[in-house]
């Protein structure tokens, strides 16, 4: 079993996340993660860009699951449905 070399095998994709939790990959190619102040972040891994996608009041996001039944359903609707 190979050992992970932190200097060579680990890199920062984006800065500015508030204690990212529950990273999930969307079929749209973006990564989504929750923050400890209720943020839902959307990460463009290719461009290294971060945006706050949604905000949940009264708690923090510890986990996240995205479900798409067809590729015609945009991931934004799927993520929004989780918090509706």
PDB file of N, CA and C in Angstrom:
ATOM      1  N   UNK A   1       0.845  -1.177   0.000  1.00  0.00           N
ATOM      2  CA  UNK A   1       0.000   0.000   0.000  1.00  0.00           C
ATOM      3  C   UNK A   1       0.891   1.241   0.000  1.00  0.00           C
ATOM      4  N   UNK A   2       0.625   2.131  -0.913  1.00  0.00           N
ATOM      5  CA  UNK A   2       1.415   3.357  -1.018  1.00  0.00           C
ATOM      6  C   UNK A   2       1.062   4.326   0.102  1.00  0.00           C
ATOM      7  N   UNK A   3       2.041   5.047   0.543  1.00  0.00           N
ATOM      8  CA  UNK A   3       1.841   6.064   1.564  1.00  0.00           C
ATOM      9  C   UNK A   3       1.674   7.406   0.870  1.00  0.00           C
ATOM     10  N   UNK A   4       0.713   8.183   1.330  1.00  0.00           N
ATOM     11  CA  UNK A   4       0.453   9.497   0.763  1.00  0.00           C
ATOM     12  C   UNK A   4       1.574  10.458   1.138  1.00  0.00           C
ATOM     13  N   UNK A   5       2.147  11.090   0.149  1.00  0.00           N
ATOM     14  CA  UNK A   5       3.187  12.087   0.367  1.00  0.00           C
ATOM     15  C   UNK A   5       2.516  13.461   0.380  1.00  0.00           C
ATOM     16  N   UNK A   6       2.344  14.051   1.563  1.00  0.00           N
ATOM     17  CA  UNK A   6       1.632  15.323   1.690  1.00  0.00           C
ATOM     18  C   UNK A   6       2.253  16.454   0.887  1.00  0.00           C
ATOM     19  N   UNK A   7       3.541  16.442   0.690  1.00  0.00           N
ATOM     20  CA  UNK A   7       4.190  17.511  -0.067  1.00  0.00           C
ATOM     21  C   UNK A   7       3.951  17.384  -1.564  1.00  0.00           C
ATOM     22  N   UNK A   8       3.770  16.166  -2.055  1.00  0.00           N
ATOM     23  CA  UNK A   8       3.637  15.952  -3.495  1.00  0.00           C
ATOM     24  C   UNK A   8       2.223  15.581  -3.933  1.00  0.00           C
ATOM     25  N   UNK A   9       1.467  14.904  -3.075  1.00  0.00           N
ATOM     26  CA  UNK A   9       0.182  14.342  -3.474  1.00  0.00           C
ATOM     27  C   UNK A   9      -1.032  15.122  -2.980  1.00  0.00           C
ATOM     28  N   UNK A  10      -0.838  16.132  -2.170  1.00  0.00           N
ATOM     29  CA  UNK A  10      -1.938  16.910  -1.615  1.00  0.00           C
ATOM     30  C   UNK A  10      -1.801  18.350  -2.088  1.00  0.00           C
ATOM     31  N   UNK A  11      -2.908  18.913  -2.562  1.00  0.00           N
ATOM     32  CA  UNK A  11      -2.872  20.307  -2.994  1.00  0.00           C
ATOM     33  C   UNK A  11      -4.167  21.005  -2.591  1.00  0.00           C
ATOM     34  N   UNK A  12      -4.122  22.308  -2.529  1.00  0.00           N
ATOM     35  CA  UNK A  12      -5.291  23.116  -2.204  1.00  0.00           C
ATOM     36  C   UNK A  12      -6.035  23.443  -3.492  1.00  0.00           C
ATOM     37  N   UNK A  13      -7.327  23.126  -3.530  1.00  0.00           N
ATOM     38  CA  UNK A  13      -8.136  23.431  -4.709  1.00  0.00           C
ATOM     39  C   UNK A  13      -8.625  24.868  -4.679  1.00  0.00           C
ATOM     40  N   UNK A  14      -9.151  25.302  -3.527  1.00  0.00           N
ATOM     41  CA  UNK A  14      -9.634  26.674  -3.345  1.00  0.00           C
ATOM     42  C   UNK A  14      -9.407  27.082  -1.895  1.00  0.00           C
ATOM     43  N   UNK A  15      -9.328  28.374  -1.672  1.00  0.00           N
ATOM     44  CA  UNK A  15      -9.258  28.927  -0.324  1.00  0.00           C
ATOM     45  C   UNK A  15     -10.580  29.605  -0.009  1.00  0.00           C
ATOM     46  N   UNK A  16     -10.866  29.764   1.286  1.00  0.00           N
ATOM     47  CA  UNK A  16     -12.025  30.543   1.688  1.00  0.00           C
ATOM     48  C   UNK A  16     -13.197  29.744   2.214  1.00  0.00           C
ATOM     49  N   UNK A  17     -13.092  28.431   2.244  1.00  0.00           N
ATOM     50  CA  UNK A  17     -14.182  27.629   2.799  1.00  0.00           C
ATOM     51  C   UNK A  17     -14.153  27.711   4.318  1.00  0.00           C
ATOM     52  N   UNK A  18     -15.329  27.780   4.912  1.00  0.00           N
ATOM     53  CA  UNK A  18     -15.467  27.831   6.357  1.00  0.00           C
ATOM     54  C   UNK A  18     -15.647  26.409   6.886  1.00  0.00           C
ATOM     55  N   UNK A  19     -14.549  25.732   7.180  1.00  0.00           N
ATOM     56  CA  UNK A  19     -14.570  24.371   7.741  1.00  0.00           C
ATOM     57  C   UNK A  19     -15.440  23.450   6.878  1.00  0.00           C
ATOM     58  N   UNK A  20     -15.007  23.172   5.699  1.00  0.00           N
ATOM     59  CA  UNK A  20     -15.779  22.361   4.748  1.00  0.00           C
ATOM     60  C   UNK A  20     -16.088  20.974   5.304  1.00  0.00           C
ATOM     61  N   UNK A  21     -17.332  20.556   5.169  1.00  0.00           N
ATOM     62  CA  UNK A  21     -17.796  19.244   5.617  1.00  0.00           C
ATOM     63  C   UNK A  21     -18.572  18.573   4.492  1.00  0.00           C
ATOM     64  N   UNK A  22     -18.550  17.273   4.457  1.00  0.00           N
ATOM     65  CA  UNK A  22     -19.409  16.496   3.576  1.00  0.00           C
ATOM     66  C   UNK A  22     -19.271  16.826   2.105  1.00  0.00           C
ATOM     67  N   UNK A  23     -18.091  16.766   1.571  1.00  0.00           N
ATOM     68  CA  UNK A  23     -17.888  17.085   0.155  1.00  0.00           C
ATOM     69  C   UNK A  23     -18.595  16.049  -0.715  1.00  0.00           C
ATOM     70  N   UNK A  24     -19.355  16.521  -1.686  1.00  0.00           N
ATOM     71  CA  UNK A  24     -20.061  15.640  -2.623  1.00  0.00           C
ATOM     72  C   UNK A  24     -19.822  16.162  -4.037  1.00  0.00           C
ATOM     73  N   UNK A  25     -19.720  15.245  -4.981  1.00  0.00           N
ATOM     74  CA  UNK A  25     -19.486  15.612  -6.382  1.00  0.00           C
ATOM     75  C   UNK A  25     -20.804  15.578  -7.132  1.00  0.00           C
ATOM     76  N   UNK A  26     -21.109  16.664  -7.843  1.00  0.00           N
ATOM     77  CA  UNK A  26     -22.311  16.725  -8.656  1.00  0.00           C
ATOM     78  C   UNK A  26     -22.033  16.239 -10.067  1.00  0.00           C
ATOM     79  N   UNK A  27     -23.081  15.797 -10.738  1.00  0.00           N
ATOM     80  CA  UNK A  27     -22.930  15.368 -12.126  1.00  0.00           C
ATOM     81  C   UNK A  27     -22.603  16.537 -13.044  1.00  0.00           C
ATOM     82  N   UNK A  28     -22.744  17.747 -12.533  1.00  0.00           N
ATOM     83  CA  UNK A  28     -22.409  18.933 -13.319  1.00  0.00           C
ATOM     84  C   UNK A  28     -20.915  19.229 -13.301  1.00  0.00           C
ATOM     85  N   UNK A  29     -20.134  18.396 -12.599  1.00  0.00           N
ATOM     86  CA  UNK A  29     -18.690  18.570 -12.556  1.00  0.00           C
ATOM     87  C   UNK A  29     -18.194  19.439 -11.415  1.00  0.00           C
ATOM     88  N   UNK A  30     -19.095  19.971 -10.617  1.00  0.00           N
ATOM     89  CA  UNK A  30     -18.717  20.792  -9.478  1.00  0.00           C
ATOM     90  C   UNK A  30     -18.711  19.950  -8.210  1.00  0.00           C
ATOM     91  N   UNK A  31     -17.924  20.395  -7.239  1.00  0.00           N
ATOM     92  CA  UNK A  31     -17.951  19.787  -5.911  1.00  0.00           C
ATOM     93  C   UNK A  31     -18.800  20.690  -5.023  1.00  0.00           C
ATOM     94  N   UNK A  32     -19.530  20.092  -4.094  1.00  0.00           N
ATOM     95  CA  UNK A  32     -20.355  20.832  -3.151  1.00  0.00           C
ATOM     96  C   UNK A  32     -19.921  20.455  -1.746  1.00  0.00           C
ATOM     97  N   UNK A  33     -19.943  21.433  -0.838  1.00  0.00           N
ATOM     98  CA  UNK A  33     -19.548  21.174   0.546  1.00  0.00           C
ATOM     99  C   UNK A  33     -20.333  22.092   1.466  1.00  0.00           C
ATOM    100  N   UNK A  34     -20.541  21.636   2.682  1.00  0.00           N
ATOM    101  CA  UNK A  34     -21.228  22.443   3.677  1.00  0.00           C
ATOM    102  C   UNK A  34     -20.237  23.155   4.570  1.00  0.00           C
ATOM    103  N   UNK A  35     -20.673  24.253   5.179  1.00  0.00           N
ATOM    104  CA  UNK A  35     -19.845  25.011   6.111  1.00  0.00           C
ATOM    105  C   UNK A  35     -20.449  25.006   7.498  1.00  0.00           C
ATOM    106  N   UNK A  36     -19.664  25.408   8.489  1.00  0.00           N
ATOM    107  CA  UNK A  36     -20.138  25.330   9.868  1.00  0.00           C
ATOM    108  C   UNK A  36     -21.131  26.429  10.230  1.00  0.00           C
ATOM    109  N   UNK A  37     -21.331  27.416   9.387  1.00  0.00           N
ATOM    110  CA  UNK A  37     -22.330  28.449   9.639  1.00  0.00           C
ATOM    111  C   UNK A  37     -23.541  28.275   8.715  1.00  0.00           C
ATOM    112  N   UNK A  38     -23.740  27.067   8.176  1.00  0.00           N
ATOM    113  CA  UNK A  38     -24.891  26.778   7.336  1.00  0.00           C
ATOM    114  C   UNK A  38     -24.700  27.053   5.855  1.00  0.00           C
ATOM    115  N   UNK A  39     -23.491  27.340   5.435  1.00  0.00           N
ATOM    116  CA  UNK A  39     -23.241  27.615   4.024  1.00  0.00           C
ATOM    117  C   UNK A  39     -23.230  26.312   3.218  1.00  0.00           C
ATOM    118  N   UNK A  40     -23.647  26.433   1.974  1.00  0.00           N
ATOM    119  CA  UNK A  40     -23.453  25.364   1.001  1.00  0.00           C
ATOM    120  C   UNK A  40     -22.583  25.977  -0.092  1.00  0.00           C
ATOM    121  N   UNK A  41     -21.408  25.422  -0.249  1.00  0.00           N
ATOM    122  CA  UNK A  41     -20.439  25.938  -1.212  1.00  0.00           C
ATOM    123  C   UNK A  41     -20.472  25.119  -2.499  1.00  0.00           C
ATOM    124  N   UNK A  42     -20.199  25.803  -3.594  1.00  0.00           N
ATOM    125  CA  UNK A  42     -20.039  25.154  -4.898  1.00  0.00           C
ATOM    126  C   UNK A  42     -18.618  25.459  -5.367  1.00  0.00           C
ATOM    127  N   UNK A  43     -17.873  24.412  -5.688  1.00  0.00           N
ATOM    128  CA  UNK A  43     -16.464  24.562  -6.039  1.00  0.00           C
ATOM    129  C   UNK A  43     -16.243  24.140  -7.484  1.00  0.00           C
ATOM    130  N   UNK A  44     -15.708  25.058  -8.269  1.00  0.00           N
ATOM    131  CA  UNK A  44     -15.285  24.742  -9.628  1.00  0.00           C
ATOM    132  C   UNK A  44     -13.828  24.309  -9.532  1.00  0.00           C
ATOM    133  N   UNK A  45     -13.607  23.012  -9.551  1.00  0.00           N
ATOM    134  CA  UNK A  45     -12.279  22.452  -9.342  1.00  0.00           C
ATOM    135  C   UNK A  45     -11.349  22.804 -10.496  1.00  0.00           C
ATOM    136  N   UNK A  46     -11.864  22.844 -11.707  1.00  0.00           N
ATOM    137  CA  UNK A  46     -11.036  23.150 -12.877  1.00  0.00           C
ATOM    138  C   UNK A  46     -10.487  24.574 -12.835  1.00  0.00           C
ATOM    139  N   UNK A  47     -11.318  25.516 -12.415  1.00  0.00           N
ATOM    140  CA  UNK A  47     -10.914  26.928 -12.401  1.00  0.00           C
ATOM    141  C   UNK A  47     -10.407  27.398 -11.037  1.00  0.00           C
ATOM    142  N   UNK A  48     -10.603  26.577 -10.014  1.00  0.00           N
ATOM    143  CA  UNK A  48     -10.198  26.979  -8.671  1.00  0.00           C
ATOM    144  C   UNK A  48     -11.066  28.088  -8.108  1.00  0.00           C
ATOM    145  N   UNK A  49     -12.363  28.070  -8.456  1.00  0.00           N
ATOM    146  CA  UNK A  49     -13.281  29.119  -8.021  1.00  0.00           C
ATOM    147  C   UNK A  49     -14.283  28.576  -7.014  1.00  0.00           C
ATOM    148  N   UNK A  50     -14.615  29.399  -6.044  1.00  0.00           N
ATOM    149  CA  UNK A  50     -15.539  29.047  -4.971  1.00  0.00           C
ATOM    150  C   UNK A  50     -16.682  30.040  -4.945  1.00  0.00           C
ATOM    151  N   UNK A  51     -17.906  29.543  -4.774  1.00  0.00           N
ATOM    152  CA  UNK A  51     -19.046  30.432  -4.580  1.00  0.00           C
ATOM    153  C   UNK A  51     -19.941  29.835  -3.503  1.00  0.00           C
ATOM    154  N   UNK A  52     -20.626  30.725  -2.779  1.00  0.00           N
ATOM    155  CA  UNK A  52     -21.606  30.237  -1.812  1.00  0.00           C
ATOM    156  C   UNK A  52     -22.892  29.995  -2.572  1.00  0.00           C
ATOM    157  N   UNK A  53     -23.340  28.758  -2.563  1.00  0.00           N
ATOM    158  CA  UNK A  53     -24.477  28.332  -3.363  1.00  0.00           C
ATOM    159  C   UNK A  53     -25.797  28.541  -2.633  1.00  0.00           C
ATOM    160  N   UNK A  54     -25.799  28.303  -1.325  1.00  0.00           N
ATOM    161  CA  UNK A  54     -27.017  28.428  -0.521  1.00  0.00           C
ATOM    162  C   UNK A  54     -26.627  28.685   0.924  1.00  0.00           C
ATOM    163  N   UNK A  55     -27.625  29.060   1.736  1.00  0.00           N
ATOM    164  CA  UNK A  55     -27.407  29.303   3.159  1.00  0.00           C
ATOM    165  C   UNK A  55     -28.552  28.663   3.930  1.00  0.00           C
ATOM    166  N   UNK A  56     -28.224  27.872   4.929  1.00  0.00           N
ATOM    167  CA  UNK A  56     -29.214  27.242   5.797  1.00  0.00           C
ATOM    168  C   UNK A  56     -29.107  27.918   7.154  1.00  0.00           C
ATOM    169  N   UNK A  57     -30.225  28.344   7.715  1.00  0.00           N
ATOM    170  CA  UNK A  57     -30.186  29.015   9.010  1.00  0.00           C
ATOM    171  C   UNK A  57     -30.400  28.018  10.142  1.00  0.00           C
ATOM    172  N   UNK A  58     -29.837  28.332  11.291  1.00  0.00           N
ATOM    173  CA  UNK A  58     -30.070  27.526  12.484  1.00  0.00           C
ATOM    174  C   UNK A  58     -29.210  26.293  12.615  1.00  0.00           C
ATOM    175  N   UNK A  59     -28.090  26.226  11.954  1.00  0.00           N
ATOM    176  CA  UNK A  59     -27.244  25.045  12.104  1.00  0.00           C
ATOM    177  C   UNK A  59     -26.125  25.031  11.100  1.00  0.00           C
ATOM    178  N   UNK A  60     -25.426  23.916  11.068  1.00  0.00           N
ATOM    179  CA  UNK A  60     -24.336  23.772  10.116  1.00  0.00           C
ATOM    180  C   UNK A  60     -24.508  22.484   9.340  1.00  0.00           C
ATOM    181  N   UNK A  61     -23.830  22.388   8.227  1.00  0.00           N
ATOM    182  CA  UNK A  61     -23.949  21.250   7.324  1.00  0.00           C
ATOM    183  C   UNK A  61     -22.834  20.262   7.646  1.00  0.00           C
ATOM    184  N   UNK A  62     -23.198  19.087   8.134  1.00  0.00           N
ATOM    185  CA  UNK A  62     -22.197  18.065   8.448  1.00  0.00           C
ATOM    186  C   UNK A  62     -22.018  17.056   7.329  1.00  0.00           C
ATOM    187  N   UNK A  63     -23.027  16.881   6.522  1.00  0.00           N
ATOM    188  CA  UNK A  63     -22.945  15.912   5.437  1.00  0.00           C
ATOM    189  C   UNK A  63     -23.788  16.377   4.271  1.00  0.00           C
ATOM    190  N   UNK A  64     -23.544  15.793   3.141  1.00  0.00           N
ATOM    191  CA  UNK A  64     -24.266  16.198   1.949  1.00  0.00           C
ATOM    192  C   UNK A  64     -24.381  15.007   1.014  1.00  0.00           C
ATOM    193  N   UNK A  65     -25.534  14.893   0.378  1.00  0.00           N
ATOM    194  CA  UNK A  65     -25.738  13.859  -0.631  1.00  0.00           C
ATOM    195  C   UNK A  65     -26.514  14.482  -1.780  1.00  0.00           C
ATOM    196  N   UNK A  66     -26.059  14.274  -2.978  1.00  0.00           N
ATOM    197  CA  UNK A  66     -26.741  14.781  -4.163  1.00  0.00           C
ATOM    198  C   UNK A  66     -27.353  13.607  -4.898  1.00  0.00           C
ATOM    199  N   UNK A  67     -28.575  13.780  -5.327  1.00  0.00           N
ATOM    200  CA  UNK A  67     -29.226  12.709  -6.069  1.00  0.00           C
ATOM    201  C   UNK A  67     -29.815  13.278  -7.345  1.00  0.00           C
ATOM    202  N   UNK A  68     -29.416  12.723  -8.441  1.00  0.00           N
ATOM    203  CA  UNK A  68     -29.975  13.088  -9.734  1.00  0.00           C
ATOM    204  C   UNK A  68     -30.486  11.821 -10.389  1.00  0.00           C
ATOM    205  N   UNK A  69     -31.730  11.832 -10.801  1.00  0.00           N
ATOM    206  CA  UNK A  69     -32.280  10.647 -11.444  1.00  0.00           C
ATOM    207  C   UNK A  69     -32.044  10.665 -12.948  1.00  0.00           C
ATOM    208  N   UNK A  70     -31.879  11.860 -13.509  1.00  0.00           N
ATOM    209  CA  UNK A  70     -31.569  11.969 -14.935  1.00  0.00           C
ATOM    210  C   UNK A  70     -30.534  13.067 -15.114  1.00  0.00           C
ATOM    211  N   UNK A  71     -29.808  13.027 -16.187  1.00  0.00           N
ATOM    212  CA  UNK A  71     -28.816  14.073 -16.439  1.00  0.00           C
ATOM    213  C   UNK A  71     -29.470  15.368 -16.886  1.00  0.00           C
ATOM    214  N   UNK A  72     -30.772  15.341 -17.182  1.00  0.00           N
ATOM    215  CA  UNK A  72     -31.444  16.568 -17.605  1.00  0.00           C
ATOM    216  C   UNK A  72     -31.810  17.456 -16.419  1.00  0.00           C
ATOM    217  N   UNK A  73     -31.739  16.913 -15.200  1.00  0.00           N
ATOM    218  CA  UNK A  73     -32.057  17.713 -14.020  1.00  0.00           C
ATOM    219  C   UNK A  73     -30.807  18.432 -13.548  1.00  0.00           C
ATOM    220  N   UNK A  74     -30.784  19.746 -13.595  1.00  0.00           N
ATOM    221  CA  UNK A  74     -29.582  20.463 -13.163  1.00  0.00           C
ATOM    222  C   UNK A  74     -29.266  20.195 -11.700  1.00  0.00           C
ATOM    223  N   UNK A  75     -27.997  20.099 -11.387  1.00  0.00           N
ATOM    224  CA  UNK A  75     -27.577  19.846 -10.008  1.00  0.00           C
ATOM    225  C   UNK A  75     -28.050  20.954  -9.081  1.00  0.00           C
ATOM    226  N   UNK A  76     -28.198  22.162  -9.611  1.00  0.00           N
ATOM    227  CA  UNK A  76     -28.643  23.259  -8.759  1.00  0.00           C
ATOM    228  C   UNK A  76     -30.030  22.984  -8.206  1.00  0.00           C
ATOM    229  N   UNK A  77     -30.904  22.396  -8.993  1.00  0.00           N
ATOM    230  CA  UNK A  77     -32.238  22.055  -8.501  1.00  0.00           C
ATOM    231  C   UNK A  77     -32.149  20.945  -7.471  1.00  0.00           C
ATOM    232  N   UNK A  78     -31.254  19.987  -7.681  1.00  0.00           N
ATOM    233  CA  UNK A  78     -31.114  18.883  -6.737  1.00  0.00           C
ATOM    234  C   UNK A  78     -30.610  19.382  -5.394  1.00  0.00           C
ATOM    235  N   UNK A  79     -29.623  20.249  -5.400  1.00  0.00           N
ATOM    236  CA  UNK A  79     -29.087  20.776  -4.146  1.00  0.00           C
ATOM    237  C   UNK A  79     -30.119  21.658  -3.469  1.00  0.00           C
ATOM    238  N   UNK A  80     -30.808  22.492  -4.236  1.00  0.00           N
ATOM    239  CA  UNK A  80     -31.835  23.348  -3.666  1.00  0.00           C
ATOM    240  C   UNK A  80     -32.928  22.515  -3.013  1.00  0.00           C
ATOM    241  N   UNK A  81     -33.283  21.386  -3.617  1.00  0.00           N
ATOM    242  CA  UNK A  81     -34.332  20.534  -3.071  1.00  0.00           C
ATOM    243  C   UNK A  81     -33.955  19.974  -1.706  1.00  0.00           C
ATOM    244  N   UNK A  82     -32.680  19.788  -1.455  1.00  0.00           N
ATOM    245  CA  UNK A  82     -32.250  19.277  -0.160  1.00  0.00           C
ATOM    246  C   UNK A  82     -32.565  20.237   0.969  1.00  0.00           C
ATOM    247  N   UNK A  83     -32.648  21.518   0.663  1.00  0.00           N
ATOM    248  CA  UNK A  83     -32.810  22.522   1.700  1.00  0.00           C
ATOM    249  C   UNK A  83     -34.145  23.249   1.614  1.00  0.00           C
ATOM    250  N   UNK A  84     -35.042  22.763   0.808  1.00  0.00           N
ATOM    251  CA  UNK A  84     -36.340  23.418   0.645  1.00  0.00           C
ATOM    252  C   UNK A  84     -37.256  23.106   1.813  1.00  0.00           C
TER     253      UNK A  84
END
